[in-house]
C-alpha cells in the first residue's frame, strides 16, 4: 500500500507531471530540465528526488553530470501501470506543449561552455 500512496503523492504536483512528460522524450540532465521548465536547480532536483523515490525515474552518473530517465525496467508495479497512462495523456495540454518546445532549444551546460 505504501508504494501506491507514494506514487500518487508524487503525481500530485504539476511540476512532477511536467518532468515525467519531458523525460518521456529522452534521458535529460538537470540543466536541460531547468531550461525547459524555467525553474531553479534546487526545485528541479527536489522534484526529481521525489519521482525517483516513488520509482518513476532513475538516474545515471556520467562524471560530474547526472542524467535522468523514466524507470521503465525496475519500477514498482503501480508505477509500471501508471506510466503508460501518463504517456497517453495530456498530449494537448498547452503547458506541456510549451515545455516540449523549450526542451527542443535547451542545451546541456557542457555544450554551452564550449
C-alpha atoms as a PDB file:
ATOM      1  CA  UNK A   1       0.000   0.000   0.000  1.00  0.00           C
ATOM      2  CA  UNK A   2       2.886   2.404   0.744  1.00  0.00           C
ATOM      3  CA  UNK A   3       4.113   2.209  -2.868  1.00  0.00           C
ATOM      4  CA  UNK A   4       0.660   3.191  -4.128  1.00  0.00           C
ATOM      5  CA  UNK A   5       0.438   6.164  -1.764  1.00  0.00           C
ATOM      6  CA  UNK A   6       3.990   7.257  -2.658  1.00  0.00           C
ATOM      7  CA  UNK A   7       3.211   7.021  -6.398  1.00  0.00           C
ATOM      8  CA  UNK A   8       0.020   9.060  -6.201  1.00  0.00           C
ATOM      9  CA  UNK A   9       1.625  11.665  -3.935  1.00  0.00           C
ATOM     10  CA  UNK A  10       4.427  12.007  -6.480  1.00  0.00           C
ATOM     11  CA  UNK A  11       1.850  12.655  -9.207  1.00  0.00           C
ATOM     12  CA  UNK A  12       0.032  15.213  -7.067  1.00  0.00           C
ATOM     13  CA  UNK A  13       2.225  18.078  -8.248  1.00  0.00           C
ATOM     14  CA  UNK A  14       2.179  19.788 -11.653  1.00  0.00           C
ATOM     15  CA  UNK A  15       5.966  20.146 -11.747  1.00  0.00           C
ATOM     16  CA  UNK A  16       6.463  16.415 -11.365  1.00  0.00           C
ATOM     17  CA  UNK A  17       3.954  15.626 -14.126  1.00  0.00           C
ATOM     18  CA  UNK A  18       5.809  18.080 -16.366  1.00  0.00           C
ATOM     19  CA  UNK A  19       9.136  16.415 -15.521  1.00  0.00           C
ATOM     20  CA  UNK A  20       7.776  12.975 -16.400  1.00  0.00           C
ATOM     21  CA  UNK A  21       6.418  14.239 -19.721  1.00  0.00           C
ATOM     22  CA  UNK A  22       9.810  15.765 -20.605  1.00  0.00           C
ATOM     23  CA  UNK A  23      11.683  12.625 -19.589  1.00  0.00           C
ATOM     24  CA  UNK A  24       9.431  10.585 -21.879  1.00  0.00           C
ATOM     25  CA  UNK A  25      11.316  12.242 -24.744  1.00  0.00           C
ATOM     26  CA  UNK A  26      14.812  11.097 -23.760  1.00  0.00           C
ATOM     27  CA  UNK A  27      17.358  10.959 -20.969  1.00  0.00           C
ATOM     28  CA  UNK A  28      17.981  14.501 -19.680  1.00  0.00           C
ATOM     29  CA  UNK A  29      20.257  16.299 -17.259  1.00  0.00           C
ATOM     30  CA  UNK A  30      19.000  18.763 -14.652  1.00  0.00           C
ATOM     31  CA  UNK A  31      20.321  21.717 -16.664  1.00  0.00           C
ATOM     32  CA  UNK A  32      18.124  20.791 -19.653  1.00  0.00           C
ATOM     33  CA  UNK A  33      15.089  20.354 -17.408  1.00  0.00           C
ATOM     34  CA  UNK A  34      15.782  23.721 -15.744  1.00  0.00           C
ATOM     35  CA  UNK A  35      15.747  25.449 -19.124  1.00  0.00           C
ATOM     36  CA  UNK A  36      12.617  23.686 -20.348  1.00  0.00           C
ATOM     37  CA  UNK A  37      10.672  24.430 -17.165  1.00  0.00           C
ATOM     38  CA  UNK A  38      12.288  27.792 -16.341  1.00  0.00           C
ATOM     39  CA  UNK A  39      12.904  26.601 -12.772  1.00  0.00           C
ATOM     40  CA  UNK A  40      15.822  26.652 -10.369  1.00  0.00           C
ATOM     41  CA  UNK A  41      18.212  23.748  -9.991  1.00  0.00           C
ATOM     42  CA  UNK A  42      17.068  23.116  -6.423  1.00  0.00           C
ATOM     43  CA  UNK A  43      13.392  22.933  -7.391  1.00  0.00           C
ATOM     44  CA  UNK A  44      14.042  20.573 -10.308  1.00  0.00           C
ATOM     45  CA  UNK A  45      16.368  18.376  -8.237  1.00  0.00           C
ATOM     46  CA  UNK A  46      13.958  18.205  -5.290  1.00  0.00           C
ATOM     47  CA  UNK A  47      11.097  17.099  -7.541  1.00  0.00           C
ATOM     48  CA  UNK A  48      13.286  14.587  -9.375  1.00  0.00           C
ATOM     49  CA  UNK A  49      14.184  13.147  -5.969  1.00  0.00           C
ATOM     50  CA  UNK A  50      10.504  12.661  -5.147  1.00  0.00           C
ATOM     51  CA  UNK A  51       9.909  10.982  -8.514  1.00  0.00           C
ATOM     52  CA  UNK A  52      12.964   8.776  -8.018  1.00  0.00           C
ATOM     53  CA  UNK A  53      11.830   7.806  -4.509  1.00  0.00           C
ATOM     54  CA  UNK A  54       8.425   6.802  -5.915  1.00  0.00           C
ATOM     55  CA  UNK A  55      10.078   4.770  -8.688  1.00  0.00           C
ATOM     56  CA  UNK A  56       9.115   6.912 -11.703  1.00  0.00           C
ATOM     57  CA  UNK A  57      12.635   7.973 -12.661  1.00  0.00           C
ATOM     58  CA  UNK A  58      16.166   6.666 -12.376  1.00  0.00           C
ATOM     59  CA  UNK A  59      19.488   8.432 -12.594  1.00  0.00           C
ATOM     60  CA  UNK A  60      22.839   7.682 -14.155  1.00  0.00           C
ATOM     61  CA  UNK A  61      26.127   9.362 -13.297  1.00  0.00           C
ATOM     62  CA  UNK A  62      28.475  10.437 -16.049  1.00  0.00           C
ATOM     63  CA  UNK A  63      31.422  12.200 -14.459  1.00  0.00           C
ATOM     64  CA  UNK A  64      30.075  15.408 -12.931  1.00  0.00           C
ATOM     65  CA  UNK A  65      26.739  15.040 -14.687  1.00  0.00           C
ATOM     66  CA  UNK A  66      23.656  13.170 -13.520  1.00  0.00           C
ATOM     67  CA  UNK A  67      21.242  12.102 -16.238  1.00  0.00           C
ATOM     68  CA  UNK A  68      17.624  11.204 -15.516  1.00  0.00           C
ATOM     69  CA  UNK A  69      15.264   8.946 -17.425  1.00  0.00           C
ATOM     70  CA  UNK A  70      11.950   7.170 -16.968  1.00  0.00           C
ATOM     71  CA  UNK A  71      12.347   3.997 -14.918  1.00  0.00           C
ATOM     72  CA  UNK A  72      10.591   1.502 -17.162  1.00  0.00           C
ATOM     73  CA  UNK A  73      12.596  -1.543 -16.025  1.00  0.00           C
ATOM     74  CA  UNK A  74      12.701  -1.542 -12.217  1.00  0.00           C
ATOM     75  CA  UNK A  75       9.642   0.491 -11.270  1.00  0.00           C
ATOM     76  CA  UNK A  76       7.135  -0.754  -8.686  1.00  0.00           C
ATOM     77  CA  UNK A  77       4.042  -2.378 -10.201  1.00  0.00           C
ATOM     78  CA  UNK A  78       1.819   0.667  -9.589  1.00  0.00           C
ATOM     79  CA  UNK A  79       4.327   2.884 -11.426  1.00  0.00           C
ATOM     80  CA  UNK A  80       4.513   0.392 -14.301  1.00  0.00           C
ATOM     81  CA  UNK A  81       0.724   0.656 -14.601  1.00  0.00           C
ATOM     82  CA  UNK A  82       0.666   4.470 -14.368  1.00  0.00           C
ATOM     83  CA  UNK A  83       3.487   5.259 -16.821  1.00  0.00           C
ATOM     84  CA  UNK A  84       1.520   4.191 -19.943  1.00  0.00           C
ATOM     85  CA  UNK A  85      -1.490   6.212 -18.758  1.00  0.00           C
ATOM     86  CA  UNK A  86       0.710   9.289 -18.368  1.00  0.00           C
ATOM     87  CA  UNK A  87       2.361   8.689 -21.732  1.00  0.00           C
ATOM     88  CA  UNK A  88      -1.022   8.599 -23.489  1.00  0.00           C
ATOM     89  CA  UNK A  89      -2.432  11.567 -21.571  1.00  0.00           C
ATOM     90  CA  UNK A  90      -2.049  15.311 -21.735  1.00  0.00           C
ATOM     91  CA  UNK A  91      -0.698  15.482 -25.294  1.00  0.00           C
ATOM     92  CA  UNK A  92      -2.841  18.549 -25.982  1.00  0.00           C
ATOM     93  CA  UNK A  93      -2.016  20.369 -22.738  1.00  0.00           C
ATOM     94  CA  UNK A  94      -0.766  23.868 -23.607  1.00  0.00           C
ATOM     95  CA  UNK A  95       1.755  23.987 -20.748  1.00  0.00           C
ATOM     96  CA  UNK A  96       3.313  20.686 -21.779  1.00  0.00           C
ATOM     97  CA  UNK A  97       3.425  21.721 -25.437  1.00  0.00           C
ATOM     98  CA  UNK A  98       5.392  24.841 -24.414  1.00  0.00           C
ATOM     99  CA  UNK A  99       7.691  22.744 -22.203  1.00  0.00           C
ATOM    100  CA  UNK A 100       8.489  20.452 -25.130  1.00  0.00           C
ATOM    101  CA  UNK A 101       9.206  23.418 -27.409  1.00  0.00           C
ATOM    102  CA  UNK A 102      11.606  24.869 -24.811  1.00  0.00           C
ATOM    103  CA  UNK A 103      13.236  21.465 -24.372  1.00  0.00           C
ATOM    104  CA  UNK A 104      13.961  21.354 -28.098  1.00  0.00           C
ATOM    105  CA  UNK A 105      16.006  24.557 -27.655  1.00  0.00           C
ATOM    106  CA  UNK A 106      17.653  23.557 -24.355  1.00  0.00           C
ATOM    107  CA  UNK A 107      21.371  22.901 -24.250  1.00  0.00           C
ATOM    108  CA  UNK A 108      23.454  20.944 -21.816  1.00  0.00           C
ATOM    109  CA  UNK A 109      25.678  23.246 -19.773  1.00  0.00           C
ATOM    110  CA  UNK A 110      28.673  21.300 -21.061  1.00  0.00           C
ATOM    111  CA  UNK A 111      27.679  22.334 -24.610  1.00  0.00           C
ATOM    112  CA  UNK A 112      27.145  25.978 -23.633  1.00  0.00           C
ATOM    113  CA  UNK A 113      30.639  26.309 -22.163  1.00  0.00           C
ATOM    114  CA  UNK A 114      32.337  25.146 -25.385  1.00  0.00           C
END
